[in-house]
N, C-alpha and C. Protein backbone atom coordinates (compact mmCIF):
# COMPACT_ATOMS: atom_id res chain seq x y z
N UNK A 1 -144.84 -63.92 18.17
CA UNK A 1 -144.77 -65.08 19.03
C UNK A 1 -144.61 -64.67 20.49
N UNK A 2 -143.73 -63.68 20.78
CA UNK A 2 -143.47 -63.24 22.15
C UNK A 2 -143.89 -61.80 22.34
N UNK A 3 -144.43 -61.52 23.50
CA UNK A 3 -144.73 -60.16 23.94
C UNK A 3 -144.19 -60.06 25.36
N UNK A 4 -143.62 -58.92 25.72
CA UNK A 4 -143.12 -58.79 27.09
C UNK A 4 -143.48 -57.44 27.68
N UNK A 5 -143.48 -57.42 29.02
CA UNK A 5 -143.73 -56.19 29.78
C UNK A 5 -143.12 -56.38 31.16
N UNK A 6 -143.00 -55.29 31.88
CA UNK A 6 -142.56 -55.36 33.27
C UNK A 6 -143.76 -54.99 34.13
N UNK A 7 -144.10 -55.86 35.06
CA UNK A 7 -145.26 -55.67 35.94
C UNK A 7 -144.80 -55.93 37.37
N UNK A 8 -144.93 -54.92 38.24
CA UNK A 8 -144.54 -55.05 39.66
C UNK A 8 -143.08 -55.47 39.83
N UNK A 9 -142.21 -55.02 38.95
CA UNK A 9 -140.81 -55.38 39.04
C UNK A 9 -140.50 -56.78 38.56
N UNK A 10 -141.38 -57.34 37.74
CA UNK A 10 -141.23 -58.70 37.22
C UNK A 10 -141.31 -58.64 35.70
N UNK A 11 -140.36 -59.30 35.04
CA UNK A 11 -140.42 -59.42 33.58
C UNK A 11 -141.46 -60.48 33.23
N UNK A 12 -142.47 -60.09 32.51
CA UNK A 12 -143.52 -61.02 32.08
C UNK A 12 -143.36 -61.23 30.57
N UNK A 13 -143.15 -62.47 30.19
CA UNK A 13 -143.00 -62.83 28.78
C UNK A 13 -144.19 -63.70 28.40
N UNK A 14 -144.96 -63.25 27.45
CA UNK A 14 -146.12 -64.00 26.98
C UNK A 14 -145.74 -64.72 25.70
N UNK A 15 -145.88 -66.03 25.74
CA UNK A 15 -145.66 -66.87 24.56
C UNK A 15 -147.05 -67.11 23.99
N UNK A 16 -147.37 -66.43 22.89
CA UNK A 16 -148.74 -66.42 22.38
C UNK A 16 -149.15 -67.67 21.63
N UNK A 17 -148.19 -68.43 21.12
CA UNK A 17 -148.51 -69.63 20.34
C UNK A 17 -147.71 -70.81 20.88
N UNK A 18 -148.18 -72.00 20.59
CA UNK A 18 -147.40 -73.18 20.93
C UNK A 18 -146.16 -73.20 20.04
N UNK A 19 -145.01 -73.33 20.65
CA UNK A 19 -143.74 -73.32 19.90
C UNK A 19 -143.56 -74.67 19.22
N UNK A 20 -143.19 -74.64 17.94
CA UNK A 20 -142.90 -75.91 17.27
C UNK A 20 -141.39 -76.14 17.28
N UNK A 21 -141.00 -77.32 16.92
CA UNK A 21 -139.60 -77.71 17.00
C UNK A 21 -138.70 -76.83 16.14
N UNK A 22 -139.21 -76.35 15.03
CA UNK A 22 -138.38 -75.53 14.13
C UNK A 22 -138.13 -74.13 14.68
N UNK A 23 -138.96 -73.67 15.60
CA UNK A 23 -138.78 -72.32 16.15
C UNK A 23 -138.34 -72.33 17.61
N UNK A 24 -138.13 -73.51 18.19
CA UNK A 24 -137.77 -73.61 19.61
C UNK A 24 -136.48 -72.85 19.93
N UNK A 25 -135.42 -73.07 19.15
CA UNK A 25 -134.13 -72.42 19.43
C UNK A 25 -134.26 -70.90 19.36
N UNK A 26 -135.00 -70.40 18.37
CA UNK A 26 -135.19 -68.95 18.25
C UNK A 26 -135.97 -68.39 19.43
N UNK A 27 -136.99 -69.12 19.86
CA UNK A 27 -137.79 -68.66 21.00
C UNK A 27 -136.94 -68.60 22.27
N UNK A 28 -136.13 -69.64 22.49
CA UNK A 28 -135.26 -69.65 23.67
C UNK A 28 -134.26 -68.50 23.60
N UNK A 29 -133.68 -68.25 22.44
CA UNK A 29 -132.74 -67.14 22.28
C UNK A 29 -133.42 -65.80 22.57
N UNK A 30 -134.62 -65.62 22.06
CA UNK A 30 -135.35 -64.37 22.29
C UNK A 30 -135.65 -64.17 23.77
N UNK A 31 -136.11 -65.23 24.43
CA UNK A 31 -136.41 -65.14 25.86
C UNK A 31 -135.12 -64.89 26.65
N UNK A 32 -134.04 -65.57 26.29
CA UNK A 32 -132.76 -65.38 26.98
C UNK A 32 -132.29 -63.93 26.85
N UNK A 33 -132.46 -63.35 25.68
CA UNK A 33 -132.08 -61.96 25.46
C UNK A 33 -132.89 -61.03 26.37
N UNK A 34 -134.19 -61.29 26.48
CA UNK A 34 -135.03 -60.49 27.35
C UNK A 34 -134.62 -60.64 28.81
N UNK A 35 -134.36 -61.86 29.23
CA UNK A 35 -133.96 -62.11 30.63
C UNK A 35 -132.67 -61.35 30.93
N UNK A 36 -131.69 -61.49 30.06
CA UNK A 36 -130.40 -60.83 30.29
C UNK A 36 -130.52 -59.30 30.28
N UNK A 37 -131.37 -58.77 29.42
CA UNK A 37 -131.49 -57.31 29.34
C UNK A 37 -132.31 -56.73 30.50
N UNK A 38 -133.01 -57.60 31.25
CA UNK A 38 -133.80 -57.12 32.39
C UNK A 38 -133.26 -57.63 33.72
N UNK A 39 -132.02 -58.14 33.72
CA UNK A 39 -131.44 -58.61 34.99
C UNK A 39 -131.49 -57.50 36.02
N UNK A 40 -131.73 -57.78 37.25
CA UNK A 40 -131.96 -59.06 37.91
C UNK A 40 -133.43 -59.37 38.16
N UNK A 41 -134.32 -58.84 37.33
CA UNK A 41 -135.76 -59.03 37.56
C UNK A 41 -136.15 -60.50 37.49
N UNK A 42 -137.04 -60.94 38.39
CA UNK A 42 -137.61 -62.28 38.24
C UNK A 42 -138.44 -62.34 36.96
N UNK A 43 -138.70 -63.56 36.49
CA UNK A 43 -139.36 -63.75 35.20
C UNK A 43 -140.60 -64.63 35.37
N UNK A 44 -141.67 -64.22 34.71
CA UNK A 44 -142.87 -65.05 34.59
C UNK A 44 -143.07 -65.31 33.09
N UNK A 45 -143.11 -66.59 32.72
CA UNK A 45 -143.43 -66.99 31.35
C UNK A 45 -144.90 -67.38 31.33
N UNK A 46 -145.67 -66.72 30.51
CA UNK A 46 -147.09 -67.02 30.38
C UNK A 46 -147.30 -67.75 29.05
N UNK A 47 -147.65 -69.02 29.13
CA UNK A 47 -147.92 -69.82 27.94
C UNK A 47 -149.40 -69.67 27.61
N UNK A 48 -149.71 -68.84 26.63
CA UNK A 48 -151.09 -68.48 26.34
C UNK A 48 -151.85 -69.52 25.53
N UNK A 49 -151.13 -70.39 24.83
CA UNK A 49 -151.82 -71.39 24.00
C UNK A 49 -152.55 -72.40 24.90
N UNK A 50 -153.76 -72.77 24.53
CA UNK A 50 -154.52 -73.73 25.35
C UNK A 50 -153.90 -75.14 25.35
N UNK A 51 -153.21 -75.46 24.28
CA UNK A 51 -152.52 -76.75 24.18
C UNK A 51 -151.03 -76.45 24.10
N UNK A 52 -150.27 -77.12 24.96
CA UNK A 52 -148.83 -76.87 25.02
C UNK A 52 -148.11 -78.15 24.63
N UNK A 53 -147.33 -78.07 23.56
CA UNK A 53 -146.64 -79.24 23.04
C UNK A 53 -145.25 -79.44 23.63
N UNK A 54 -144.62 -80.52 23.20
CA UNK A 54 -143.32 -80.91 23.73
C UNK A 54 -142.24 -79.86 23.47
N UNK A 55 -142.25 -79.24 22.31
CA UNK A 55 -141.22 -78.23 22.00
C UNK A 55 -141.35 -77.02 22.92
N UNK A 56 -142.57 -76.61 23.24
CA UNK A 56 -142.77 -75.49 24.17
C UNK A 56 -142.27 -75.87 25.55
N UNK A 57 -142.61 -77.07 26.01
CA UNK A 57 -142.15 -77.52 27.32
C UNK A 57 -140.64 -77.60 27.38
N UNK A 58 -140.03 -78.09 26.31
CA UNK A 58 -138.58 -78.15 26.23
C UNK A 58 -137.96 -76.74 26.30
N UNK A 59 -138.56 -75.80 25.62
CA UNK A 59 -138.08 -74.41 25.65
C UNK A 59 -138.16 -73.85 27.06
N UNK A 60 -139.25 -74.11 27.75
CA UNK A 60 -139.41 -73.64 29.13
C UNK A 60 -138.31 -74.21 30.01
N UNK A 61 -138.04 -75.49 29.88
CA UNK A 61 -137.01 -76.13 30.70
C UNK A 61 -135.62 -75.57 30.39
N UNK A 62 -135.37 -75.23 29.14
CA UNK A 62 -134.09 -74.60 28.77
C UNK A 62 -133.99 -73.21 29.38
N UNK A 63 -135.08 -72.46 29.34
CA UNK A 63 -135.09 -71.13 29.95
C UNK A 63 -134.89 -71.25 31.47
N UNK A 64 -135.48 -72.26 32.07
CA UNK A 64 -135.29 -72.46 33.51
C UNK A 64 -133.82 -72.69 33.84
N UNK A 65 -133.14 -73.52 33.06
CA UNK A 65 -131.71 -73.74 33.30
C UNK A 65 -130.93 -72.43 33.16
N UNK A 66 -131.26 -71.65 32.15
CA UNK A 66 -130.62 -70.35 31.96
C UNK A 66 -130.84 -69.46 33.18
N UNK A 67 -132.10 -69.33 33.58
CA UNK A 67 -132.43 -68.46 34.71
C UNK A 67 -131.76 -68.93 36.00
N UNK A 68 -131.72 -70.22 36.22
CA UNK A 68 -131.05 -70.75 37.41
C UNK A 68 -129.57 -70.37 37.39
N UNK A 69 -128.95 -70.49 36.24
CA UNK A 69 -127.54 -70.13 36.12
C UNK A 69 -127.29 -68.65 36.36
N UNK A 70 -128.26 -67.83 36.01
CA UNK A 70 -128.16 -66.38 36.23
C UNK A 70 -128.69 -65.97 37.60
N UNK A 71 -129.17 -66.93 38.36
CA UNK A 71 -129.77 -66.71 39.68
C UNK A 71 -130.99 -65.80 39.61
N UNK A 72 -131.83 -66.11 38.64
CA UNK A 72 -133.07 -65.36 38.41
C UNK A 72 -134.24 -66.31 38.61
N UNK A 73 -135.16 -65.96 39.51
CA UNK A 73 -136.35 -66.81 39.69
C UNK A 73 -137.21 -66.83 38.42
N UNK A 74 -137.77 -68.01 38.12
CA UNK A 74 -138.64 -68.18 36.96
C UNK A 74 -139.91 -68.88 37.39
N UNK A 75 -141.03 -68.33 36.95
CA UNK A 75 -142.33 -68.98 37.14
C UNK A 75 -142.98 -69.13 35.77
N UNK A 76 -143.75 -70.19 35.62
CA UNK A 76 -144.43 -70.48 34.36
C UNK A 76 -145.93 -70.57 34.64
N UNK A 77 -146.71 -69.98 33.74
CA UNK A 77 -148.16 -70.04 33.84
C UNK A 77 -148.69 -70.73 32.60
N UNK A 78 -149.52 -71.75 32.82
CA UNK A 78 -150.18 -72.41 31.70
C UNK A 78 -151.55 -72.90 32.15
N UNK A 79 -152.55 -72.77 31.28
CA UNK A 79 -153.87 -73.29 31.62
C UNK A 79 -153.93 -74.81 31.56
N UNK A 80 -152.93 -75.43 30.96
CA UNK A 80 -152.94 -76.88 30.75
C UNK A 80 -152.46 -77.63 31.99
N UNK A 81 -153.36 -78.38 32.58
CA UNK A 81 -153.00 -79.20 33.74
C UNK A 81 -151.93 -80.22 33.40
N UNK A 82 -152.02 -80.81 32.22
CA UNK A 82 -151.02 -81.80 31.81
C UNK A 82 -149.65 -81.15 31.68
N UNK A 83 -149.59 -79.96 31.10
CA UNK A 83 -148.31 -79.26 30.96
C UNK A 83 -147.74 -78.91 32.33
N UNK A 84 -148.59 -78.47 33.27
CA UNK A 84 -148.10 -78.16 34.62
C UNK A 84 -147.50 -79.40 35.28
N UNK A 85 -148.16 -80.54 35.14
CA UNK A 85 -147.63 -81.78 35.74
C UNK A 85 -146.29 -82.16 35.12
N UNK A 86 -146.17 -82.06 33.81
CA UNK A 86 -144.91 -82.40 33.14
C UNK A 86 -143.80 -81.45 33.56
N UNK A 87 -144.09 -80.17 33.62
CA UNK A 87 -143.07 -79.20 34.02
C UNK A 87 -142.60 -79.44 35.45
N UNK A 88 -143.52 -79.70 36.34
CA UNK A 88 -143.14 -79.97 37.74
C UNK A 88 -142.27 -81.22 37.83
N UNK A 89 -142.59 -82.23 37.06
CA UNK A 89 -141.84 -83.49 37.11
C UNK A 89 -140.49 -83.38 36.41
N UNK A 90 -140.38 -82.52 35.42
CA UNK A 90 -139.18 -82.48 34.58
C UNK A 90 -138.18 -81.40 34.94
N UNK A 91 -138.59 -80.42 35.72
CA UNK A 91 -137.71 -79.28 36.01
C UNK A 91 -136.52 -79.71 36.85
N UNK A 92 -135.38 -79.06 36.60
CA UNK A 92 -134.21 -79.27 37.45
C UNK A 92 -134.60 -78.89 38.88
N UNK A 93 -134.16 -79.67 39.82
CA UNK A 93 -134.49 -79.38 41.21
C UNK A 93 -133.41 -78.50 41.83
N UNK A 94 -133.30 -77.28 41.31
CA UNK A 94 -132.36 -76.31 41.84
C UNK A 94 -132.92 -75.78 43.14
N UNK A 95 -132.23 -75.99 44.26
CA UNK A 95 -132.82 -75.62 45.54
C UNK A 95 -133.08 -74.13 45.70
N UNK A 96 -132.21 -73.27 45.16
CA UNK A 96 -132.39 -71.83 45.34
C UNK A 96 -133.30 -71.21 44.30
N UNK A 97 -133.43 -71.85 43.14
CA UNK A 97 -134.24 -71.29 42.07
C UNK A 97 -135.12 -72.36 41.43
N UNK A 98 -136.03 -72.94 42.23
CA UNK A 98 -136.92 -73.95 41.64
C UNK A 98 -137.89 -73.30 40.66
N UNK A 99 -138.36 -74.09 39.72
CA UNK A 99 -139.33 -73.60 38.75
C UNK A 99 -140.69 -73.52 39.42
N UNK A 100 -141.27 -72.32 39.41
CA UNK A 100 -142.64 -72.15 39.91
C UNK A 100 -143.60 -72.42 38.76
N UNK A 101 -144.60 -73.24 39.01
CA UNK A 101 -145.56 -73.60 37.97
C UNK A 101 -146.96 -73.25 38.48
N UNK A 102 -147.68 -72.45 37.72
CA UNK A 102 -148.96 -71.91 38.17
C UNK A 102 -150.03 -72.04 37.09
N UNK A 103 -151.28 -72.04 37.55
CA UNK A 103 -152.43 -72.08 36.64
C UNK A 103 -152.87 -70.68 36.24
N UNK A 104 -152.57 -69.68 37.07
CA UNK A 104 -153.01 -68.32 36.76
C UNK A 104 -151.86 -67.34 36.85
N UNK A 105 -151.92 -66.32 36.04
CA UNK A 105 -150.89 -65.29 36.04
C UNK A 105 -150.88 -64.54 37.36
N UNK A 106 -152.03 -64.27 37.92
CA UNK A 106 -152.10 -63.53 39.18
C UNK A 106 -151.37 -64.26 40.30
N UNK A 107 -151.52 -65.58 40.37
CA UNK A 107 -150.81 -66.36 41.39
C UNK A 107 -149.30 -66.28 41.18
N UNK A 108 -148.86 -66.41 39.95
CA UNK A 108 -147.43 -66.35 39.66
C UNK A 108 -146.86 -64.98 39.98
N UNK A 109 -147.56 -63.93 39.56
CA UNK A 109 -147.08 -62.57 39.82
C UNK A 109 -147.05 -62.27 41.31
N UNK A 110 -148.06 -62.68 42.04
CA UNK A 110 -148.10 -62.43 43.48
C UNK A 110 -146.95 -63.15 44.19
N UNK A 111 -146.71 -64.40 43.81
CA UNK A 111 -145.62 -65.17 44.41
C UNK A 111 -144.27 -64.54 44.09
N UNK A 112 -144.05 -64.18 42.82
CA UNK A 112 -142.79 -63.55 42.43
C UNK A 112 -142.61 -62.18 43.08
N UNK A 113 -143.66 -61.42 43.16
CA UNK A 113 -143.57 -60.09 43.77
C UNK A 113 -143.20 -60.20 45.24
N UNK A 114 -143.79 -61.15 45.95
CA UNK A 114 -143.48 -61.36 47.35
C UNK A 114 -142.02 -61.77 47.52
N UNK A 115 -141.56 -62.70 46.69
CA UNK A 115 -140.17 -63.15 46.76
C UNK A 115 -139.21 -62.02 46.40
N UNK A 116 -139.58 -61.24 45.39
CA UNK A 116 -138.73 -60.11 44.95
C UNK A 116 -138.65 -59.06 46.05
N UNK A 117 -139.77 -58.75 46.70
CA UNK A 117 -139.78 -57.77 47.78
C UNK A 117 -138.95 -58.25 48.97
N UNK A 118 -139.02 -59.54 49.26
CA UNK A 118 -138.27 -60.09 50.40
C UNK A 118 -136.77 -60.05 50.14
N UNK A 119 -136.35 -60.17 48.88
CA UNK A 119 -134.93 -60.19 48.57
C UNK A 119 -134.35 -58.78 48.42
N UNK A 120 -135.22 -57.79 48.32
CA UNK A 120 -134.74 -56.40 48.11
C UNK A 120 -134.26 -55.76 49.41
């Protein structure tokens, strides 16, 4: 379900399938473990499934709350325009750690890399 790597000083977590309600808690726990073990790296979540359901969106929002609490920037990449709109509308409006929502991984990585370099 999850694959991860570090690219340009950014933890990239690829969610390969749409998360269903029965696996949402496990997915969030797995992502949280990765985030904590790679602190203080910024995180990009790449939602690879072409269709993103409510449980996946809920998991992303939970991860965003976690990352905000840890003061870790989080960006999300999804090809789904509808999912991007829902995430932008539903994310906590944390002023220091807003949720970045992108259509392409390259845009998310470039934005995170720039922010990470500026904070170093």
